[in-house]
């Protein structure tokens, strides 16, 4: 796929991944694919974190 970003995986990630449920793996895989597509242009939804009360602001 031209124009995609490389996402590196580590042995530590592999060990963590193995302990996840299939549903958790699918959710994370979806996010990683989006990161591969958008790279640093993905952005960060700070408004969402504020709205959910996870950060002050």
Protein backbone atom coordinates (compact mmCIF):
# COMPACT_ATOMS: atom_id res chain seq x y z
CA UNK A 1 0.00 0.00 0.00
CA UNK A 2 1.81 3.17 -1.08
CA UNK A 3 1.86 6.06 1.32
CA UNK A 4 1.47 4.02 4.50
CA UNK A 5 3.56 4.46 7.63
CA UNK A 6 5.53 1.66 9.24
CA UNK A 7 4.47 0.70 12.74
CA UNK A 8 7.14 -1.23 14.61
CA UNK A 9 6.34 -4.13 16.90
CA UNK A 10 8.54 -5.33 19.75
CA UNK A 11 8.89 -8.65 21.57
CA UNK A 12 7.39 -6.95 24.62
CA UNK A 13 4.33 -5.98 22.58
CA UNK A 14 4.02 -9.56 21.33
CA UNK A 15 3.92 -10.88 24.88
CA UNK A 16 1.31 -8.29 25.88
CA UNK A 17 -0.70 -9.01 22.71
CA UNK A 18 -0.85 -12.72 23.49
CA UNK A 19 -2.65 -11.99 26.77
CA UNK A 20 -5.41 -9.93 25.14
CA UNK A 21 -8.83 -11.27 24.23
CA UNK A 22 -9.73 -11.57 20.57
CA UNK A 23 -12.07 -8.58 20.89
CA UNK A 24 -9.27 -6.47 22.41
CA UNK A 25 -6.87 -7.52 19.65
CA UNK A 26 -9.41 -6.58 16.96
CA UNK A 27 -9.99 -3.17 18.54
CA UNK A 28 -6.28 -2.41 18.78
CA UNK A 29 -5.62 -3.76 15.29
CA UNK A 30 -8.21 -1.33 13.94
CA UNK A 31 -6.45 1.58 15.63
CA UNK A 32 -3.02 0.49 14.41
CA UNK A 33 -4.28 0.22 10.83
CA UNK A 34 -5.56 3.78 11.09
CA UNK A 35 -2.17 4.87 12.46
CA UNK A 36 -0.45 3.13 9.53
CA UNK A 37 -2.71 5.01 7.13
CA UNK A 38 -2.54 8.48 8.70
CA UNK A 39 0.84 8.46 10.45
CA UNK A 40 1.54 11.70 12.32
CA UNK A 41 -1.45 13.29 10.59
CA UNK A 42 -3.77 11.12 12.66
CA UNK A 43 -3.97 13.80 15.31
CA UNK A 44 -5.08 13.49 18.89
CA UNK A 45 -8.60 14.00 20.07
CA UNK A 46 -7.86 16.07 23.17
CA UNK A 47 -11.40 17.45 23.09
CA UNK A 48 -12.71 13.93 23.62
CA UNK A 49 -10.50 13.41 26.65
CA UNK A 50 -11.68 16.72 28.10
CA UNK A 51 -15.32 15.89 27.41
CA UNK A 52 -14.95 12.52 29.10
CA UNK A 53 -13.33 14.16 32.13
CA UNK A 54 -10.09 12.24 31.68
CA UNK A 55 -8.05 15.47 31.67
CA UNK A 56 -8.58 18.98 33.00
CA UNK A 57 -8.73 21.83 30.60
